[in-house]
Every structure is written in C-alpha cells, then in structure tokens.
Amino acid sequence: MRDALAPWSTGGRALTFLSGEHAAPDHVRAAYAPGDCRRLAALKAVWDPADVFRLNHDIPPAA
C-alpha cells in the first residue's frame, strides 16, 4: 500500500501520529513547512527561550 501511494507522498508528517521515538526533532520539523517551522522557532525564542514547553512535539527556540 505504501509503495502504491508513494508517488503522492509529500515527505511530511502528521503531528497527530508522532509519539515516542517517532517524535524525534527531525520528524517534528517534517510536520511543518520550512517557513512555518522557522517562524515557530522565532516565536519560541521570544516567548519561551528556556524551552519550558518542550514535552510535546518540541520546536526548539531559535538561536
């Protein structure tokens, strides 16, 4: 089934299906468009620079 649908794959991920080892930082980043991920990291740098809210699908603050 996966091979049959491969031509339509975007390579992205769905946050609702990320948990455990599948919630690694590279998988979380793949769930967002690159520009969105950069904007979220920039917002996190302003509002949560200590990365307190990191237990669920973490996006680290921008440097």
PDB file of N, CA and C in Angstrom:
ATOM      1  N   MET A   1       0.831  -1.180   0.000  1.00  0.00           N
ATOM      2  CA  MET A   1       0.000   0.000   0.000  1.00  0.00           C
ATOM      3  C   MET A   1       0.884   1.256   0.000  1.00  0.00           C
ATOM      4  N   ARG A   2       1.931   1.236   0.849  1.00  0.00           N
ATOM      5  CA  ARG A   2       2.817   2.393   0.918  1.00  0.00           C
ATOM      6  C   ARG A   2       3.485   2.657  -0.426  1.00  0.00           C
ATOM      7  N   ASP A   3       3.944   1.601  -1.069  1.00  0.00           N
ATOM      8  CA  ASP A   3       4.591   1.765  -2.376  1.00  0.00           C
ATOM      9  C   ASP A   3       3.617   2.307  -3.416  1.00  0.00           C
ATOM     10  N   ALA A   4       2.366   1.864  -3.354  1.00  0.00           N
ATOM     11  CA  ALA A   4       1.369   2.323  -4.317  1.00  0.00           C
ATOM     12  C   ALA A   4       1.066   3.807  -4.139  1.00  0.00           C
ATOM     13  N   LEU A   5       1.125   4.305  -2.897  1.00  0.00           N
ATOM     14  CA  LEU A   5       0.826   5.713  -2.626  1.00  0.00           C
ATOM     15  C   LEU A   5       2.059   6.616  -2.681  1.00  0.00           C
ATOM     16  N   ALA A   6       3.234   6.040  -2.806  1.00  0.00           N
ATOM     17  CA  ALA A   6       4.493   6.805  -2.786  1.00  0.00           C
ATOM     18  C   ALA A   6       4.530   7.972  -3.771  1.00  0.00           C
ATOM     19  N   PRO A   7       3.990   7.852  -4.973  1.00  0.00           N
ATOM     20  CA  PRO A   7       4.059   8.995  -5.897  1.00  0.00           C
ATOM     21  C   PRO A   7       3.372  10.263  -5.375  1.00  0.00           C
ATOM     22  N   TRP A   8       2.466  10.116  -4.424  1.00  0.00           N
ATOM     23  CA  TRP A   8       1.738  11.265  -3.897  1.00  0.00           C
ATOM     24  C   TRP A   8       2.252  11.718  -2.532  1.00  0.00           C
ATOM     25  N   SER A   9       3.316  11.111  -2.068  1.00  0.00           N
ATOM     26  CA  SER A   9       3.863  11.472  -0.759  1.00  0.00           C
ATOM     27  C   SER A   9       4.538  12.837  -0.808  1.00  0.00           C
ATOM     28  N   THR A  10       4.314  13.624   0.216  1.00  0.00           N
ATOM     29  CA  THR A  10       4.973  14.928   0.312  1.00  0.00           C
ATOM     30  C   THR A  10       6.236  14.836   1.159  1.00  0.00           C
ATOM     31  N   GLY A  11       6.421  13.714   1.848  1.00  0.00           N
ATOM     32  CA  GLY A  11       7.558  13.568   2.741  1.00  0.00           C
ATOM     33  C   GLY A  11       7.300  14.170   4.110  1.00  0.00           C
ATOM     34  N   GLY A  12       6.142  14.799   4.269  1.00  0.00           N
ATOM     35  CA  GLY A  12       5.800  15.425   5.541  1.00  0.00           C
ATOM     36  C   GLY A  12       5.303  14.412   6.561  1.00  0.00           C
ATOM     37  N   ARG A  13       4.997  14.909   7.723  1.00  0.00           N
ATOM     38  CA  ARG A  13       4.477  14.086   8.818  1.00  0.00           C
ATOM     39  C   ARG A  13       3.218  14.749   9.363  1.00  0.00           C
ATOM     40  N   ALA A  14       2.395  13.959  10.032  1.00  0.00           N
ATOM     41  CA  ALA A  14       1.212  14.481  10.713  1.00  0.00           C
ATOM     42  C   ALA A  14       1.479  14.454  12.209  1.00  0.00           C
ATOM     43  N   LEU A  15       1.350  15.602  12.872  1.00  0.00           N
ATOM     44  CA  LEU A  15       1.632  15.676  14.311  1.00  0.00           C
ATOM     45  C   LEU A  15       0.812  14.690  15.114  1.00  0.00           C
ATOM     46  N   THR A  16      -0.403  14.417  14.690  1.00  0.00           N
ATOM     47  CA  THR A  16      -1.265  13.510  15.446  1.00  0.00           C
ATOM     48  C   THR A  16      -0.723  12.082  15.489  1.00  0.00           C
ATOM     49  N   PHE A  17       0.190  11.739  14.590  1.00  0.00           N
ATOM     50  CA  PHE A  17       0.745  10.391  14.557  1.00  0.00           C
ATOM     51  C   PHE A  17       2.177  10.336  15.079  1.00  0.00           C
ATOM     52  N   LEU A  18       2.666  11.413  15.663  1.00  0.00           N
ATOM     53  CA  LEU A  18       4.027  11.439  16.187  1.00  0.00           C
ATOM     54  C   LEU A  18       4.010  11.198  17.690  1.00  0.00           C
ATOM     55  N   SER A  19       4.652  10.133  18.104  1.00  0.00           N
ATOM     56  CA  SER A  19       4.802   9.861  19.534  1.00  0.00           C
ATOM     57  C   SER A  19       6.002   8.952  19.730  1.00  0.00           C
ATOM     58  N   GLY A  20       6.504   8.921  20.956  1.00  0.00           N
ATOM     59  CA  GLY A  20       7.654   8.070  21.263  1.00  0.00           C
ATOM     60  C   GLY A  20       8.843   8.393  20.386  1.00  0.00           C
ATOM     61  N   GLU A  21       9.458   7.341  19.840  1.00  0.00           N
ATOM     62  CA  GLU A  21      10.644   7.565  19.002  1.00  0.00           C
ATOM     63  C   GLU A  21      10.298   8.247  17.685  1.00  0.00           C
ATOM     64  N   HIS A  22       9.014   8.275  17.322  1.00  0.00           N
ATOM     65  CA  HIS A  22       8.590   8.935  16.091  1.00  0.00           C
ATOM     66  C   HIS A  22       8.385  10.436  16.288  1.00  0.00           C
ATOM     67  N   ALA A  23       8.632  10.921  17.490  1.00  0.00           N
ATOM     68  CA  ALA A  23       8.513  12.352  17.769  1.00  0.00           C
ATOM     69  C   ALA A  23       9.895  12.997  17.867  1.00  0.00           C
ATOM     70  N   ALA A  24      10.862  12.415  17.198  1.00  0.00           N
ATOM     71  CA  ALA A  24      12.219  12.980  17.173  1.00  0.00           C
ATOM     72  C   ALA A  24      12.181  14.355  16.502  1.00  0.00           C
ATOM     73  N   PRO A  25      13.125  15.218  16.829  1.00  0.00           N
ATOM     74  CA  PRO A  25      13.115  16.578  16.275  1.00  0.00           C
ATOM     75  C   PRO A  25      12.999  16.642  14.746  1.00  0.00           C
ATOM     76  N   ASP A  26      13.666  15.744  14.027  1.00  0.00           N
ATOM     77  CA  ASP A  26      13.575  15.793  12.566  1.00  0.00           C
ATOM     78  C   ASP A  26      12.176  15.419  12.078  1.00  0.00           C
ATOM     79  N   HIS A  27      11.488  14.525  12.792  1.00  0.00           N
ATOM     80  CA  HIS A  27      10.117  14.181  12.419  1.00  0.00           C
ATOM     81  C   HIS A  27       9.166  15.347  12.707  1.00  0.00           C
ATOM     82  N   VAL A  28       9.376  16.018  13.831  1.00  0.00           N
ATOM     83  CA  VAL A  28       8.522  17.171  14.169  1.00  0.00           C
ATOM     84  C   VAL A  28       8.722  18.274  13.132  1.00  0.00           C
ATOM     85  N   ARG A  29       9.979  18.558  12.769  1.00  0.00           N
ATOM     86  CA  ARG A  29      10.233  19.586  11.740  1.00  0.00           C
ATOM     87  C   ARG A  29       9.570  19.223  10.415  1.00  0.00           C
ATOM     88  N   ALA A  30       9.536  17.928  10.082  1.00  0.00           N
ATOM     89  CA  ALA A  30       8.931  17.493   8.818  1.00  0.00           C
ATOM     90  C   ALA A  30       7.424  17.685   8.805  1.00  0.00           C
ATOM     91  N   ALA A  31       6.819  17.873   9.967  1.00  0.00           N
ATOM     92  CA  ALA A  31       5.368  18.081  10.039  1.00  0.00           C
ATOM     93  C   ALA A  31       4.984  19.514   9.659  1.00  0.00           C
ATOM     94  N   TYR A  32       5.949  20.391   9.555  1.00  0.00           N
ATOM     95  CA  TYR A  32       5.697  21.793   9.233  1.00  0.00           C
ATOM     96  C   TYR A  32       6.394  22.174   7.937  1.00  0.00           C
ATOM     97  N   ALA A  33       5.832  23.124   7.238  1.00  0.00           N
ATOM     98  CA  ALA A  33       6.538  23.708   6.104  1.00  0.00           C
ATOM     99  C   ALA A  33       7.769  24.417   6.659  1.00  0.00           C
ATOM    100  N   PRO A  34       8.882  24.449   5.931  1.00  0.00           N
ATOM    101  CA  PRO A  34      10.115  25.059   6.457  1.00  0.00           C
ATOM    102  C   PRO A  34       9.931  26.477   6.987  1.00  0.00           C
ATOM    103  N   GLY A  35       9.190  27.302   6.275  1.00  0.00           N
ATOM    104  CA  GLY A  35       8.966  28.679   6.728  1.00  0.00           C
ATOM    105  C   GLY A  35       8.171  28.721   8.022  1.00  0.00           C
ATOM    106  N   ASP A  36       7.192  27.842   8.148  1.00  0.00           N
ATOM    107  CA  ASP A  36       6.389  27.779   9.372  1.00  0.00           C
ATOM    108  C   ASP A  36       7.248  27.360  10.552  1.00  0.00           C
ATOM    109  N   CYS A  37       8.101  26.380  10.336  1.00  0.00           N
ATOM    110  CA  CYS A  37       8.976  25.900  11.412  1.00  0.00           C
ATOM    111  C   CYS A  37       9.923  27.012  11.873  1.00  0.00           C
ATOM    112  N   ARG A  38      10.457  27.778  10.942  1.00  0.00           N
ATOM    113  CA  ARG A  38      11.340  28.898  11.304  1.00  0.00           C
ATOM    114  C   ARG A  38      10.584  29.952  12.100  1.00  0.00           C
ATOM    115  N   ARG A  39       9.362  30.269  11.682  1.00  0.00           N
ATOM    116  CA  ARG A  39       8.555  31.261  12.409  1.00  0.00           C
ATOM    117  C   ARG A  39       8.204  30.773  13.805  1.00  0.00           C
ATOM    118  N   LEU A  40       7.861  29.482  13.946  1.00  0.00           N
ATOM    119  CA  LEU A  40       7.550  28.934  15.264  1.00  0.00           C
ATOM    120  C   LEU A  40       8.776  28.980  16.176  1.00  0.00           C
ATOM    121  N   ALA A  41       9.950  28.666  15.631  1.00  0.00           N
ATOM    122  CA  ALA A  41      11.183  28.721  16.421  1.00  0.00           C
ATOM    123  C   ALA A  41      11.488  30.157  16.849  1.00  0.00           C
ATOM    124  N   ALA A  42      11.243  31.114  15.957  1.00  0.00           N
ATOM    125  CA  ALA A  42      11.465  32.523  16.302  1.00  0.00           C
ATOM    126  C   ALA A  42      10.498  32.962  17.399  1.00  0.00           C
ATOM    127  N   LEU A  43       9.245  32.565  17.301  1.00  0.00           N
ATOM    128  CA  LEU A  43       8.271  32.888  18.345  1.00  0.00           C
ATOM    129  C   LEU A  43       8.656  32.248  19.674  1.00  0.00           C
ATOM    130  N   LYS A  44       9.124  31.017  19.600  1.00  0.00           N
ATOM    131  CA  LYS A  44       9.514  30.331  20.830  1.00  0.00           C
ATOM    132  C   LYS A  44      10.716  31.022  21.470  1.00  0.00           C
ATOM    133  N   ALA A  45      11.613  31.555  20.675  1.00  0.00           N
ATOM    134  CA  ALA A  45      12.770  32.274  21.217  1.00  0.00           C
ATOM    135  C   ALA A  45      12.323  33.508  21.993  1.00  0.00           C
ATOM    136  N   VAL A  46      11.220  34.114  21.587  1.00  0.00           N
ATOM    137  CA  VAL A  46      10.700  35.299  22.269  1.00  0.00           C
ATOM    138  C   VAL A  46       9.899  34.913  23.505  1.00  0.00           C
ATOM    139  N   TRP A  47       8.979  33.950  23.350  1.00  0.00           N
ATOM    140  CA  TRP A  47       8.018  33.648  24.401  1.00  0.00           C
ATOM    141  C   TRP A  47       8.421  32.495  25.323  1.00  0.00           C
ATOM    142  N   ASP A  48       9.323  31.630  24.896  1.00  0.00           N
ATOM    143  CA  ASP A  48       9.759  30.501  25.724  1.00  0.00           C
ATOM    144  C   ASP A  48      11.235  30.191  25.465  1.00  0.00           C
ATOM    145  N   PRO A  49      12.124  31.158  25.701  1.00  0.00           N
ATOM    146  CA  PRO A  49      13.539  30.951  25.390  1.00  0.00           C
ATOM    147  C   PRO A  49      14.186  29.849  26.234  1.00  0.00           C
ATOM    148  N   ALA A  50      13.638  29.546  27.407  1.00  0.00           N
ATOM    149  CA  ALA A  50      14.190  28.477  28.252  1.00  0.00           C
ATOM    150  C   ALA A  50      13.650  27.109  27.845  1.00  0.00           C
ATOM    151  N   ASP A  51      12.806  27.060  26.834  1.00  0.00           N
ATOM    152  CA  ASP A  51      12.244  25.813  26.314  1.00  0.00           C
ATOM    153  C   ASP A  51      11.503  25.018  27.391  1.00  0.00           C
ATOM    154  N   VAL A  52      10.719  25.744  28.197  1.00  0.00           N
ATOM    155  CA  VAL A  52       9.933  25.112  29.264  1.00  0.00           C
ATOM    156  C   VAL A  52       8.871  24.193  28.658  1.00  0.00           C
ATOM    157  N   PHE A  53       8.197  24.661  27.611  1.00  0.00           N
ATOM    158  CA  PHE A  53       7.154  23.873  26.962  1.00  0.00           C
ATOM    159  C   PHE A  53       7.788  23.017  25.868  1.00  0.00           C
ATOM    160  N   ARG A  54       8.330  21.871  26.255  1.00  0.00           N
ATOM    161  CA  ARG A  54       9.065  21.032  25.318  1.00  0.00           C
ATOM    162  C   ARG A  54       8.657  19.565  25.364  1.00  0.00           C
ATOM    163  N   LEU A  55       7.647  19.233  26.158  1.00  0.00           N
ATOM    164  CA  LEU A  55       7.325  17.826  26.347  1.00  0.00           C
ATOM    165  C   LEU A  55       6.473  17.233  25.223  1.00  0.00           C
ATOM    166  N   ASN A  56       5.926  18.054  24.367  1.00  0.00           N
ATOM    167  CA  ASN A  56       5.084  17.561  23.282  1.00  0.00           C
ATOM    168  C   ASN A  56       5.529  18.174  21.962  1.00  0.00           C
ATOM    169  N   HIS A  57       5.963  17.394  21.031  1.00  0.00           N
ATOM    170  CA  HIS A  57       6.324  17.876  19.699  1.00  0.00           C
ATOM    171  C   HIS A  57       7.148  19.169  19.766  1.00  0.00           C
ATOM    172  N   ASP A  58       8.247  19.079  20.405  1.00  0.00           N
ATOM    173  CA  ASP A  58       9.071  20.253  20.693  1.00  0.00           C
ATOM    174  C   ASP A  58       9.644  20.892  19.439  1.00  0.00           C
ATOM    175  N   ILE A  59       9.567  22.194  19.412  1.00  0.00           N
ATOM    176  CA  ILE A  59      10.279  23.017  18.432  1.00  0.00           C
ATOM    177  C   ILE A  59      11.224  23.863  19.264  1.00  0.00           C
ATOM    178  N   PRO A  60      12.526  23.606  19.194  1.00  0.00           N
ATOM    179  CA  PRO A  60      13.468  24.387  19.993  1.00  0.00           C
ATOM    180  C   PRO A  60      13.448  25.859  19.601  1.00  0.00           C
ATOM    181  N   PRO A  61      13.716  26.752  20.573  1.00  0.00           N
ATOM    182  CA  PRO A  61      13.768  28.180  20.241  1.00  0.00           C
ATOM    183  C   PRO A  61      14.916  28.481  19.276  1.00  0.00           C
ATOM    184  N   ALA A  62      14.709  29.455  18.434  1.00  0.00           N
ATOM    185  CA  ALA A  62      15.772  29.878  17.509  1.00  0.00           C
ATOM    186  C   ALA A  62      16.935  30.414  18.326  1.00  0.00           C
ATOM    187  N   ALA A  63      18.121  30.244  17.789  1.00  0.00           N
ATOM    188  CA  ALA A  63      19.337  30.713  18.483  1.00  0.00           C
ATOM    189  C   ALA A  63      19.467  32.211  18.411  1.00  0.00           C
TER     190      ALA A  63
END
